[in-house]
N, C-alpha and C. Protein backbone atom coordinates (compact mmCIF):
# COMPACT_ATOMS: atom_id res chain seq x y z
N MET A 1 -87.73 1.38 39.05
CA MET A 1 -87.37 -0.03 38.77
C MET A 1 -85.92 -0.27 39.17
N ILE A 2 -85.69 -1.40 39.81
CA ILE A 2 -84.32 -1.73 40.23
C ILE A 2 -83.44 -1.96 39.00
N PRO A 3 -82.26 -1.30 38.93
CA PRO A 3 -81.43 -1.36 37.72
C PRO A 3 -80.56 -2.60 37.63
N PHE A 4 -81.13 -3.77 37.85
CA PHE A 4 -80.39 -5.02 37.76
C PHE A 4 -81.19 -5.99 36.91
N PRO A 5 -80.51 -6.84 36.14
CA PRO A 5 -81.22 -7.82 35.32
C PRO A 5 -81.93 -8.85 36.18
N ILE A 6 -82.98 -9.44 35.62
CA ILE A 6 -83.73 -10.46 36.35
C ILE A 6 -82.84 -11.64 36.70
N THR A 7 -81.74 -11.77 35.97
CA THR A 7 -80.80 -12.87 36.21
C THR A 7 -79.65 -12.46 37.13
N HIS A 8 -79.87 -11.44 37.96
CA HIS A 8 -78.78 -11.02 38.84
C HIS A 8 -78.32 -12.19 39.70
N PRO A 9 -77.07 -12.18 40.19
CA PRO A 9 -76.44 -13.35 40.82
C PRO A 9 -77.27 -13.99 41.93
N GLU A 10 -77.98 -13.21 42.70
CA GLU A 10 -78.77 -13.77 43.79
C GLU A 10 -79.76 -14.82 43.30
N ARG A 11 -80.33 -14.61 42.12
CA ARG A 11 -81.33 -15.55 41.61
C ARG A 11 -80.77 -16.97 41.52
N GLY A 12 -79.57 -17.08 40.96
CA GLY A 12 -78.96 -18.39 40.81
C GLY A 12 -78.63 -19.03 42.15
N ILE A 13 -78.23 -18.22 43.12
CA ILE A 13 -77.90 -18.75 44.45
C ILE A 13 -79.16 -19.21 45.16
N TYR A 14 -80.25 -18.45 45.06
CA TYR A 14 -81.53 -18.88 45.64
C TYR A 14 -81.97 -20.20 45.02
N ALA A 15 -81.76 -20.36 43.72
CA ALA A 15 -82.18 -21.57 43.01
C ALA A 15 -81.45 -22.81 43.53
N LYS A 16 -80.27 -22.60 44.12
CA LYS A 16 -79.50 -23.72 44.66
C LYS A 16 -79.92 -24.07 46.10
N GLY A 17 -80.87 -23.31 46.63
CA GLY A 17 -81.38 -23.62 47.96
C GLY A 17 -80.88 -22.73 49.08
N TYR A 18 -79.95 -21.83 48.77
CA TYR A 18 -79.46 -20.90 49.79
C TYR A 18 -80.50 -19.80 50.02
N ARG A 19 -80.61 -19.32 51.24
CA ARG A 19 -81.60 -18.30 51.54
C ARG A 19 -81.01 -17.03 52.18
N SER A 20 -80.00 -17.18 52.99
CA SER A 20 -79.39 -16.02 53.65
C SER A 20 -78.11 -15.64 52.89
N ILE A 21 -78.26 -14.74 51.94
CA ILE A 21 -77.15 -14.37 51.04
C ILE A 21 -76.67 -12.96 51.38
N ALA A 22 -75.40 -12.83 51.65
CA ALA A 22 -74.83 -11.52 51.99
C ALA A 22 -73.97 -11.01 50.85
N GLY A 23 -74.22 -9.79 50.44
CA GLY A 23 -73.34 -9.11 49.51
C GLY A 23 -72.26 -8.39 50.31
N VAL A 24 -71.02 -8.43 49.82
CA VAL A 24 -69.88 -7.85 50.55
C VAL A 24 -69.07 -6.95 49.63
N ASP A 25 -68.75 -5.76 50.10
CA ASP A 25 -67.93 -4.83 49.32
C ASP A 25 -67.15 -3.95 50.27
N GLU A 26 -66.19 -3.22 49.72
CA GLU A 26 -65.37 -2.33 50.54
C GLU A 26 -65.25 -0.95 49.90
N ALA A 27 -64.81 0.00 50.70
CA ALA A 27 -64.53 1.35 50.22
C ALA A 27 -63.23 1.82 50.85
N GLY A 28 -62.38 2.46 50.04
CA GLY A 28 -61.18 3.05 50.60
C GLY A 28 -59.90 2.31 50.35
N ARG A 29 -59.80 1.59 49.24
CA ARG A 29 -58.53 0.94 48.93
C ARG A 29 -57.50 1.94 48.41
N GLY A 30 -57.95 2.96 47.69
CA GLY A 30 -57.04 3.86 47.02
C GLY A 30 -56.55 5.09 47.76
N PRO A 31 -57.25 5.57 48.79
CA PRO A 31 -56.85 6.81 49.45
C PRO A 31 -55.47 6.76 50.10
N LEU A 32 -54.93 7.94 50.37
CA LEU A 32 -53.64 8.06 51.04
C LEU A 32 -53.79 8.18 52.56
N ALA A 33 -55.03 8.29 53.02
CA ALA A 33 -55.26 8.46 54.46
C ALA A 33 -56.56 7.78 54.86
N GLY A 34 -56.61 7.39 56.12
CA GLY A 34 -57.83 6.81 56.66
C GLY A 34 -57.93 5.31 56.50
N PRO A 35 -58.99 4.73 57.04
CA PRO A 35 -59.15 3.28 57.05
C PRO A 35 -59.74 2.75 55.75
N VAL A 36 -59.72 1.44 55.61
CA VAL A 36 -60.53 0.77 54.60
C VAL A 36 -61.75 0.24 55.33
N VAL A 37 -62.91 0.42 54.74
CA VAL A 37 -64.17 0.05 55.38
C VAL A 37 -64.91 -0.94 54.49
N ALA A 38 -65.37 -2.03 55.06
CA ALA A 38 -66.16 -3.01 54.32
C ALA A 38 -67.56 -3.09 54.92
N ALA A 39 -68.49 -3.54 54.10
CA ALA A 39 -69.85 -3.76 54.58
C ALA A 39 -70.37 -5.07 54.02
N ALA A 40 -71.26 -5.69 54.75
CA ALA A 40 -71.98 -6.88 54.31
C ALA A 40 -73.46 -6.61 54.52
N VAL A 41 -74.27 -6.95 53.52
CA VAL A 41 -75.70 -6.68 53.59
C VAL A 41 -76.48 -7.91 53.13
N ILE A 42 -77.48 -8.28 53.91
CA ILE A 42 -78.40 -9.35 53.53
C ILE A 42 -79.75 -8.73 53.20
N LEU A 43 -80.19 -8.90 51.97
CA LEU A 43 -81.52 -8.47 51.54
C LEU A 43 -82.40 -9.71 51.38
N SER A 44 -83.64 -9.63 51.78
CA SER A 44 -84.54 -10.76 51.57
C SER A 44 -84.78 -10.96 50.09
N GLU A 45 -85.25 -12.13 49.73
CA GLU A 45 -85.44 -12.47 48.32
C GLU A 45 -86.39 -11.52 47.61
N ASP A 46 -87.39 -11.01 48.33
CA ASP A 46 -88.38 -10.13 47.71
C ASP A 46 -88.13 -8.65 47.99
N CYS A 47 -86.96 -8.32 48.55
CA CYS A 47 -86.64 -6.92 48.88
C CYS A 47 -86.16 -6.17 47.64
N ILE A 48 -86.86 -5.11 47.30
CA ILE A 48 -86.45 -4.24 46.20
C ILE A 48 -86.33 -2.82 46.74
N ILE A 49 -85.16 -2.24 46.62
CA ILE A 49 -84.93 -0.87 47.07
C ILE A 49 -84.71 0.00 45.84
N PRO A 50 -85.70 0.78 45.44
CA PRO A 50 -85.57 1.61 44.23
C PRO A 50 -84.37 2.55 44.31
N GLY A 51 -83.64 2.63 43.21
CA GLY A 51 -82.51 3.55 43.13
C GLY A 51 -81.19 2.96 43.54
N ILE A 52 -81.20 1.74 44.07
CA ILE A 52 -79.95 1.15 44.51
C ILE A 52 -79.04 0.89 43.31
N ALA A 53 -77.76 1.19 43.47
CA ALA A 53 -76.80 1.04 42.38
C ALA A 53 -75.39 1.10 42.97
N ASP A 54 -74.40 0.88 42.13
CA ASP A 54 -73.00 1.03 42.53
C ASP A 54 -72.83 2.41 43.17
N SER A 55 -72.27 2.45 44.35
CA SER A 55 -72.15 3.71 45.10
C SER A 55 -71.39 4.78 44.32
N LYS A 56 -70.45 4.36 43.47
CA LYS A 56 -69.65 5.33 42.72
C LYS A 56 -70.49 6.07 41.68
N LYS A 57 -71.65 5.52 41.33
CA LYS A 57 -72.50 6.13 40.32
C LYS A 57 -73.59 7.01 40.93
N LEU A 58 -73.56 7.17 42.23
CA LEU A 58 -74.60 7.94 42.94
C LEU A 58 -74.03 9.21 43.54
N SER A 59 -74.87 10.21 43.66
CA SER A 59 -74.47 11.44 44.33
C SER A 59 -74.38 11.18 45.83
N ALA A 60 -73.68 12.07 46.54
CA ALA A 60 -73.55 11.92 47.99
C ALA A 60 -74.92 11.94 48.66
N GLY A 61 -75.80 12.82 48.19
CA GLY A 61 -77.13 12.91 48.77
C GLY A 61 -77.94 11.65 48.57
N LYS A 62 -77.83 11.07 47.37
CA LYS A 62 -78.55 9.83 47.08
C LYS A 62 -78.00 8.68 47.91
N ARG A 63 -76.68 8.64 48.07
CA ARG A 63 -76.09 7.58 48.90
C ARG A 63 -76.59 7.66 50.33
N GLU A 64 -76.65 8.88 50.86
CA GLU A 64 -77.12 9.06 52.24
C GLU A 64 -78.57 8.58 52.39
N ALA A 65 -79.42 8.92 51.43
CA ALA A 65 -80.82 8.49 51.49
C ALA A 65 -80.93 6.97 51.43
N LEU A 66 -80.15 6.36 50.53
CA LEU A 66 -80.18 4.91 50.39
C LEU A 66 -79.55 4.21 51.60
N PHE A 67 -78.56 4.85 52.20
CA PHE A 67 -77.94 4.32 53.42
C PHE A 67 -79.01 4.07 54.48
N SER A 68 -79.87 5.06 54.68
CA SER A 68 -80.94 4.93 55.67
C SER A 68 -81.96 3.87 55.25
N LYS A 69 -82.30 3.86 53.97
CA LYS A 69 -83.30 2.90 53.47
C LYS A 69 -82.79 1.47 53.58
N ILE A 70 -81.54 1.26 53.27
CA ILE A 70 -80.95 -0.08 53.39
C ILE A 70 -81.00 -0.56 54.83
N HIS A 71 -80.64 0.31 55.76
CA HIS A 71 -80.70 -0.06 57.18
C HIS A 71 -82.12 -0.40 57.60
N GLU A 72 -83.09 0.28 57.03
CA GLU A 72 -84.50 0.02 57.37
C GLU A 72 -84.98 -1.32 56.81
N ASP A 73 -84.60 -1.63 55.56
CA ASP A 73 -85.20 -2.75 54.85
C ASP A 73 -84.37 -4.03 54.84
N ALA A 74 -83.08 -3.93 55.08
CA ALA A 74 -82.22 -5.12 55.02
C ALA A 74 -82.49 -6.04 56.20
N GLN A 75 -82.25 -7.32 55.99
CA GLN A 75 -82.36 -8.27 57.09
C GLN A 75 -81.22 -8.09 58.08
N ALA A 76 -80.04 -7.72 57.57
CA ALA A 76 -78.89 -7.48 58.44
C ALA A 76 -77.86 -6.65 57.70
N VAL A 77 -77.15 -5.83 58.46
CA VAL A 77 -76.07 -5.00 57.93
C VAL A 77 -74.87 -5.13 58.86
N GLY A 78 -73.70 -5.41 58.28
CA GLY A 78 -72.48 -5.51 59.08
C GLY A 78 -71.40 -4.58 58.55
N ILE A 79 -70.56 -4.09 59.45
CA ILE A 79 -69.47 -3.18 59.10
C ILE A 79 -68.15 -3.74 59.60
N GLY A 80 -67.11 -3.60 58.78
CA GLY A 80 -65.76 -3.97 59.19
C GLY A 80 -64.79 -2.85 58.86
N ILE A 81 -63.94 -2.49 59.80
CA ILE A 81 -63.01 -1.37 59.61
C ILE A 81 -61.59 -1.82 59.96
N VAL A 82 -60.66 -1.53 59.06
CA VAL A 82 -59.24 -1.78 59.32
C VAL A 82 -58.50 -0.47 59.13
N ASP A 83 -57.80 -0.03 60.16
CA ASP A 83 -57.20 1.31 60.11
C ASP A 83 -55.87 1.32 59.36
N GLN A 84 -55.33 2.52 59.20
CA GLN A 84 -54.13 2.72 58.39
C GLN A 84 -52.90 2.01 58.98
N ARG A 85 -52.85 1.83 60.27
CA ARG A 85 -51.70 1.14 60.87
C ARG A 85 -51.66 -0.32 60.45
N GLU A 86 -52.84 -0.94 60.43
CA GLU A 86 -52.90 -2.33 59.99
C GLU A 86 -52.66 -2.44 58.48
N ILE A 87 -53.16 -1.45 57.73
CA ILE A 87 -52.91 -1.43 56.29
C ILE A 87 -51.42 -1.42 56.01
N GLU A 88 -50.67 -0.62 56.76
CA GLU A 88 -49.23 -0.52 56.57
C GLU A 88 -48.52 -1.84 56.92
N LYS A 89 -49.09 -2.59 57.85
CA LYS A 89 -48.46 -3.84 58.28
C LYS A 89 -48.70 -4.97 57.29
N ILE A 90 -49.92 -5.07 56.76
CA ILE A 90 -50.27 -6.28 55.99
C ILE A 90 -50.60 -6.00 54.53
N ASN A 91 -50.57 -4.77 54.09
CA ASN A 91 -50.86 -4.27 52.75
C ASN A 91 -52.36 -4.09 52.54
N ILE A 92 -52.71 -3.28 51.57
CA ILE A 92 -54.10 -2.85 51.40
C ILE A 92 -55.01 -3.99 50.96
N LEU A 93 -54.51 -4.90 50.14
CA LEU A 93 -55.37 -6.02 49.72
C LEU A 93 -55.76 -6.88 50.91
N GLN A 94 -54.77 -7.28 51.70
CA GLN A 94 -55.06 -8.11 52.86
C GLN A 94 -55.92 -7.36 53.88
N ALA A 95 -55.70 -6.06 54.01
CA ALA A 95 -56.51 -5.26 54.92
C ALA A 95 -57.96 -5.20 54.45
N SER A 96 -58.16 -5.10 53.14
CA SER A 96 -59.51 -5.06 52.58
C SER A 96 -60.24 -6.37 52.84
N LEU A 97 -59.54 -7.48 52.62
CA LEU A 97 -60.15 -8.79 52.86
C LEU A 97 -60.45 -8.99 54.34
N LYS A 98 -59.56 -8.49 55.19
CA LYS A 98 -59.78 -8.59 56.64
C LYS A 98 -61.00 -7.77 57.05
N ALA A 99 -61.15 -6.59 56.49
CA ALA A 99 -62.32 -5.76 56.79
C ALA A 99 -63.60 -6.46 56.35
N MET A 100 -63.55 -7.17 55.21
CA MET A 100 -64.73 -7.90 54.74
C MET A 100 -65.10 -9.03 55.70
N VAL A 101 -64.10 -9.72 56.22
CA VAL A 101 -64.36 -10.77 57.21
C VAL A 101 -65.04 -10.17 58.44
N PHE A 102 -64.51 -9.05 58.91
CA PHE A 102 -65.11 -8.38 60.07
C PHE A 102 -66.57 -8.01 59.79
N ALA A 103 -66.84 -7.53 58.57
CA ALA A 103 -68.20 -7.11 58.21
C ALA A 103 -69.16 -8.29 58.25
N VAL A 104 -68.72 -9.44 57.75
CA VAL A 104 -69.58 -10.63 57.76
C VAL A 104 -69.87 -11.06 59.19
N VAL A 105 -68.86 -11.05 60.03
CA VAL A 105 -69.05 -11.41 61.44
C VAL A 105 -70.00 -10.43 62.11
N ASP A 106 -69.89 -9.15 61.75
CA ASP A 106 -70.70 -8.12 62.37
C ASP A 106 -72.18 -8.23 62.00
N LEU A 107 -72.51 -9.00 60.97
CA LEU A 107 -73.92 -9.21 60.62
C LEU A 107 -74.68 -9.79 61.80
N GLY A 108 -74.02 -10.65 62.55
CA GLY A 108 -74.64 -11.21 63.74
C GLY A 108 -75.74 -12.23 63.48
N VAL A 109 -75.84 -12.71 62.25
CA VAL A 109 -76.85 -13.72 61.91
C VAL A 109 -76.20 -14.81 61.07
N LEU A 110 -76.90 -15.93 60.93
CA LEU A 110 -76.40 -17.03 60.11
C LEU A 110 -76.41 -16.62 58.64
N VAL A 111 -75.29 -16.85 57.96
CA VAL A 111 -75.16 -16.54 56.54
C VAL A 111 -74.91 -17.83 55.78
N ASP A 112 -75.71 -18.07 54.72
CA ASP A 112 -75.56 -19.29 53.92
C ASP A 112 -74.52 -19.13 52.81
N TYR A 113 -74.44 -17.90 52.27
CA TYR A 113 -73.64 -17.71 51.07
C TYR A 113 -73.20 -16.26 50.98
N LEU A 114 -71.98 -16.05 50.43
CA LEU A 114 -71.44 -14.71 50.26
C LEU A 114 -71.25 -14.40 48.77
N LEU A 115 -71.63 -13.21 48.38
CA LEU A 115 -71.32 -12.67 47.07
C LEU A 115 -70.34 -11.52 47.30
N VAL A 116 -69.11 -11.68 46.84
CA VAL A 116 -68.04 -10.74 47.16
C VAL A 116 -67.64 -9.95 45.92
N ASP A 117 -67.61 -8.65 46.04
CA ASP A 117 -67.18 -7.82 44.92
C ASP A 117 -65.67 -7.99 44.70
N GLY A 118 -65.28 -8.11 43.43
CA GLY A 118 -63.86 -8.18 43.12
C GLY A 118 -63.45 -9.51 42.55
N ILE A 119 -62.17 -9.86 42.78
CA ILE A 119 -61.62 -11.09 42.21
C ILE A 119 -60.96 -11.98 43.26
N HIS A 120 -61.09 -11.60 44.54
CA HIS A 120 -60.43 -12.36 45.60
C HIS A 120 -61.46 -12.89 46.59
N ASN A 121 -61.39 -14.18 46.88
CA ASN A 121 -62.20 -14.75 47.95
C ASN A 121 -61.74 -14.19 49.28
N ILE A 122 -62.69 -14.07 50.21
CA ILE A 122 -62.29 -13.65 51.55
C ILE A 122 -62.00 -14.90 52.39
N PRO A 123 -61.07 -14.80 53.36
CA PRO A 123 -60.72 -15.98 54.17
C PRO A 123 -61.83 -16.32 55.16
N ASN A 124 -62.79 -17.09 54.69
CA ASN A 124 -63.96 -17.45 55.48
C ASN A 124 -64.47 -18.78 54.95
N GLN A 125 -65.04 -19.60 55.83
CA GLN A 125 -65.50 -20.94 55.46
C GLN A 125 -66.88 -20.94 54.80
N ILE A 126 -67.56 -19.81 54.80
CA ILE A 126 -68.89 -19.74 54.20
C ILE A 126 -68.76 -19.86 52.68
N PRO A 127 -69.61 -20.65 52.01
CA PRO A 127 -69.57 -20.72 50.54
C PRO A 127 -69.67 -19.33 49.94
N GLN A 128 -68.93 -19.08 48.87
CA GLN A 128 -68.90 -17.73 48.32
C GLN A 128 -68.56 -17.73 46.84
N SER A 129 -68.94 -16.66 46.20
CA SER A 129 -68.57 -16.39 44.81
C SER A 129 -68.02 -14.98 44.74
N VAL A 130 -66.96 -14.80 43.95
CA VAL A 130 -66.45 -13.46 43.71
C VAL A 130 -66.98 -12.98 42.37
N ILE A 131 -67.33 -11.70 42.31
CA ILE A 131 -67.94 -11.15 41.10
C ILE A 131 -67.23 -9.84 40.74
N LYS A 132 -66.52 -9.85 39.64
CA LYS A 132 -65.88 -8.63 39.18
C LYS A 132 -66.95 -7.60 38.82
N LYS A 133 -66.78 -6.39 39.33
CA LYS A 133 -67.77 -5.33 39.16
C LYS A 133 -69.14 -5.75 39.69
N GLY A 134 -69.11 -6.51 40.77
CA GLY A 134 -70.33 -7.01 41.37
C GLY A 134 -71.26 -5.93 41.87
N ASP A 135 -70.69 -4.75 42.19
CA ASP A 135 -71.53 -3.66 42.69
C ASP A 135 -72.45 -3.11 41.61
N SER A 136 -72.23 -3.50 40.35
CA SER A 136 -73.12 -3.11 39.26
C SER A 136 -74.03 -4.26 38.83
N LEU A 137 -73.81 -5.46 39.40
CA LEU A 137 -74.53 -6.63 38.96
C LEU A 137 -75.42 -7.25 40.03
N SER A 138 -75.09 -7.03 41.27
CA SER A 138 -75.79 -7.67 42.39
C SER A 138 -76.40 -6.63 43.32
N PRO A 139 -77.70 -6.71 43.59
CA PRO A 139 -78.32 -5.75 44.51
C PRO A 139 -77.71 -5.76 45.91
N SER A 140 -77.39 -6.95 46.42
CA SER A 140 -76.85 -6.99 47.78
C SER A 140 -75.43 -6.44 47.84
N ILE A 141 -74.63 -6.68 46.81
CA ILE A 141 -73.29 -6.08 46.77
C ILE A 141 -73.40 -4.58 46.61
N SER A 142 -74.31 -4.13 45.77
CA SER A 142 -74.52 -2.70 45.59
C SER A 142 -74.91 -2.04 46.91
N ALA A 143 -75.79 -2.69 47.65
CA ALA A 143 -76.19 -2.17 48.96
C ALA A 143 -74.98 -2.08 49.88
N ALA A 144 -74.14 -3.12 49.86
CA ALA A 144 -72.93 -3.12 50.69
C ALA A 144 -71.99 -2.00 50.28
N SER A 145 -71.89 -1.73 48.98
CA SER A 145 -71.00 -0.67 48.51
C SER A 145 -71.45 0.69 49.04
N ILE A 146 -72.76 0.89 49.10
CA ILE A 146 -73.30 2.15 49.60
C ILE A 146 -73.04 2.29 51.10
N ILE A 147 -73.29 1.23 51.85
CA ILE A 147 -73.06 1.27 53.30
C ILE A 147 -71.58 1.53 53.59
N ALA A 148 -70.69 0.85 52.88
CA ALA A 148 -69.26 1.03 53.11
C ALA A 148 -68.81 2.44 52.76
N LYS A 149 -69.26 2.94 51.62
CA LYS A 149 -68.86 4.27 51.17
C LYS A 149 -69.34 5.36 52.12
N VAL A 150 -70.60 5.32 52.50
CA VAL A 150 -71.13 6.36 53.40
C VAL A 150 -70.45 6.29 54.76
N THR A 151 -70.26 5.08 55.27
CA THR A 151 -69.60 4.93 56.56
C THR A 151 -68.19 5.52 56.53
N ARG A 152 -67.44 5.20 55.48
CA ARG A 152 -66.08 5.72 55.38
C ARG A 152 -66.07 7.23 55.20
N ASP A 153 -66.96 7.75 54.37
CA ASP A 153 -67.02 9.20 54.16
C ASP A 153 -67.29 9.93 55.47
N ARG A 154 -68.16 9.38 56.30
CA ARG A 154 -68.46 10.00 57.60
C ARG A 154 -67.23 9.99 58.50
N ILE A 155 -66.46 8.92 58.44
CA ILE A 155 -65.22 8.85 59.23
C ILE A 155 -64.26 9.95 58.78
N MET A 156 -64.15 10.14 57.47
CA MET A 156 -63.21 11.14 56.96
C MET A 156 -63.68 12.56 57.25
N VAL A 157 -64.97 12.78 57.28
CA VAL A 157 -65.49 14.10 57.67
C VAL A 157 -65.14 14.37 59.13
N ALA A 158 -65.21 13.35 59.96
CA ALA A 158 -64.83 13.51 61.37
C ALA A 158 -63.34 13.84 61.48
N TYR A 159 -62.50 13.20 60.66
CA TYR A 159 -61.08 13.52 60.68
C TYR A 159 -60.82 14.94 60.18
N HIS A 160 -61.66 15.42 59.29
CA HIS A 160 -61.51 16.79 58.79
C HIS A 160 -61.59 17.80 59.93
N ARG A 161 -62.43 17.52 60.91
CA ARG A 161 -62.58 18.44 62.04
C ARG A 161 -61.29 18.49 62.88
N ILE A 162 -60.53 17.40 62.85
CA ILE A 162 -59.27 17.35 63.59
C ILE A 162 -58.13 17.92 62.77
N TYR A 163 -58.13 17.63 61.46
CA TYR A 163 -57.06 18.05 60.56
C TYR A 163 -57.63 18.83 59.37
N PRO A 164 -58.18 20.01 59.61
CA PRO A 164 -58.83 20.75 58.51
C PRO A 164 -57.90 21.15 57.38
N GLU A 165 -56.60 21.21 57.64
CA GLU A 165 -55.66 21.65 56.62
C GLU A 165 -55.58 20.68 55.43
N TYR A 166 -56.04 19.45 55.62
CA TYR A 166 -55.99 18.47 54.52
C TYR A 166 -57.31 18.39 53.74
N ASN A 167 -58.34 19.04 54.23
CA ASN A 167 -59.65 19.06 53.57
C ASN A 167 -60.21 17.66 53.32
N PHE A 168 -60.13 16.81 54.35
CA PHE A 168 -60.65 15.45 54.21
C PHE A 168 -62.16 15.42 53.95
N ALA A 169 -62.87 16.46 54.37
CA ALA A 169 -64.31 16.49 54.12
C ALA A 169 -64.61 16.47 52.63
N GLN A 170 -63.69 17.03 51.85
CA GLN A 170 -63.87 17.08 50.40
C GLN A 170 -63.20 15.90 49.69
N ASN A 171 -61.92 15.66 50.01
CA ASN A 171 -61.18 14.64 49.24
C ASN A 171 -61.27 13.23 49.82
N LYS A 172 -61.79 13.11 51.04
CA LYS A 172 -61.97 11.81 51.71
C LYS A 172 -60.67 11.00 51.81
N GLY A 173 -59.53 11.70 51.76
CA GLY A 173 -58.25 11.03 51.89
C GLY A 173 -57.62 10.62 50.58
N TYR A 174 -58.32 10.84 49.46
CA TYR A 174 -57.75 10.48 48.16
C TYR A 174 -56.64 11.47 47.78
N GLY A 175 -55.80 11.05 46.83
CA GLY A 175 -54.62 11.83 46.48
C GLY A 175 -54.90 12.96 45.51
N THR A 176 -55.77 13.87 45.87
CA THR A 176 -56.01 15.04 45.03
C THR A 176 -54.78 15.95 45.08
N LYS A 177 -54.69 16.84 44.13
CA LYS A 177 -53.56 17.78 44.10
C LYS A 177 -53.51 18.59 45.38
N GLU A 178 -54.67 19.04 45.85
CA GLU A 178 -54.73 19.83 47.08
C GLU A 178 -54.23 19.02 48.27
N HIS A 179 -54.65 17.79 48.36
CA HIS A 179 -54.24 16.93 49.48
C HIS A 179 -52.74 16.67 49.45
N MET A 180 -52.22 16.39 48.28
CA MET A 180 -50.79 16.08 48.18
C MET A 180 -49.92 17.29 48.48
N LEU A 181 -50.38 18.46 48.07
CA LEU A 181 -49.65 19.68 48.41
C LEU A 181 -49.71 19.94 49.90
N ALA A 182 -50.84 19.59 50.54
CA ALA A 182 -50.95 19.76 51.99
C ALA A 182 -49.98 18.83 52.71
N ILE A 183 -49.81 17.61 52.20
CA ILE A 183 -48.84 16.69 52.79
C ILE A 183 -47.44 17.28 52.69
N LYS A 184 -47.13 17.84 51.53
CA LYS A 184 -45.81 18.44 51.34
C LYS A 184 -45.59 19.61 52.28
N ARG A 185 -46.64 20.38 52.51
CA ARG A 185 -46.53 21.57 53.35
C ARG A 185 -46.56 21.25 54.84
N PHE A 186 -47.48 20.37 55.25
CA PHE A 186 -47.71 20.12 56.68
C PHE A 186 -47.17 18.78 57.16
N GLY A 187 -46.67 17.96 56.23
CA GLY A 187 -46.25 16.63 56.61
C GLY A 187 -47.45 15.71 56.71
N CYS A 188 -47.22 14.50 57.21
CA CYS A 188 -48.32 13.56 57.33
C CYS A 188 -48.72 13.40 58.79
N ARG A 189 -49.94 12.96 59.00
CA ARG A 189 -50.47 12.72 60.34
C ARG A 189 -50.57 11.23 60.58
N GLU A 190 -51.03 10.87 61.77
CA GLU A 190 -51.11 9.45 62.11
C GLU A 190 -52.07 8.68 61.21
N ILE A 191 -53.03 9.37 60.60
CA ILE A 191 -54.00 8.65 59.77
C ILE A 191 -53.51 8.46 58.34
N HIS A 192 -52.38 9.04 57.98
CA HIS A 192 -51.85 8.85 56.62
C HIS A 192 -51.21 7.46 56.49
N ARG A 193 -51.35 6.90 55.30
CA ARG A 193 -50.77 5.60 54.98
C ARG A 193 -49.34 5.84 54.47
N LYS A 194 -48.41 5.79 55.36
CA LYS A 194 -47.04 6.24 55.07
C LYS A 194 -46.31 5.32 54.09
N THR A 195 -46.81 4.11 53.88
CA THR A 195 -46.18 3.20 52.92
C THR A 195 -46.71 3.42 51.51
N PHE A 196 -47.72 4.27 51.35
CA PHE A 196 -48.30 4.50 50.03
C PHE A 196 -47.43 5.45 49.22
N LYS A 197 -47.33 5.18 47.95
CA LYS A 197 -46.43 5.91 47.06
C LYS A 197 -46.65 7.41 47.12
N GLY A 198 -47.89 7.84 47.05
CA GLY A 198 -48.17 9.28 47.06
C GLY A 198 -47.70 9.99 48.31
N VAL A 199 -47.79 9.32 49.44
CA VAL A 199 -47.32 9.91 50.69
C VAL A 199 -45.81 9.91 50.74
N LYS A 200 -45.17 8.80 50.41
CA LYS A 200 -43.71 8.70 50.46
C LYS A 200 -43.03 9.71 49.54
N GLU A 201 -43.62 9.89 48.35
CA GLU A 201 -43.05 10.82 47.39
C GLU A 201 -43.04 12.24 47.92
N TYR A 202 -44.13 12.63 48.53
CA TYR A 202 -44.24 14.01 49.00
C TYR A 202 -43.53 14.23 50.33
N LEU A 203 -43.08 13.14 50.93
CA LEU A 203 -42.27 13.26 52.14
C LEU A 203 -40.79 13.08 51.82
N GLY A 204 -40.51 12.88 50.54
CA GLY A 204 -39.13 12.69 50.13
C GLY A 204 -38.63 11.28 50.34
N GLY A 205 -39.62 10.31 50.50
CA GLY A 205 -39.22 8.93 50.74
C GLY A 205 -39.05 8.14 49.46
């Protein structure tokens, strides 16, 4: 059974006459390295994907399985990526919102309405609602959270092959003790967010 109430946000939006509703979420606001990745997902009104939930509450294996299922069953999936250089220029909040805009554009289909996780509207003319903790309340936002998380994790695993000393395959760029000690020992690489407190501290900034 899908772990969302019958009154989940999509129901109210459908009742207003909207049909193409995209859930939007991001992954990677907190890490010290790597991009922020957003996803947008449109599920049909009768689409139920068993096991879908906030990506943070799922195991890596479950996220991977749902990642494939969402791609199979969703009407459209879009991805937006903003790298660490842009994050340093415009700050992580603005970078996250920019990635969400990219994700909506990447859907490649007409969107009637956006359900956005968090408390900030994205800079887009499409009607939208922001939902705090939306990844636990909305199936389409939850689907977007899974797509964003898996996509970003795969990017960080690829970076691990280039920079194994930071163990990105395990920490995904977050400020674990091991990662921060590696920064202190090896310095930072081009993928590190040099304006972030954890990086500056360990570089003596």
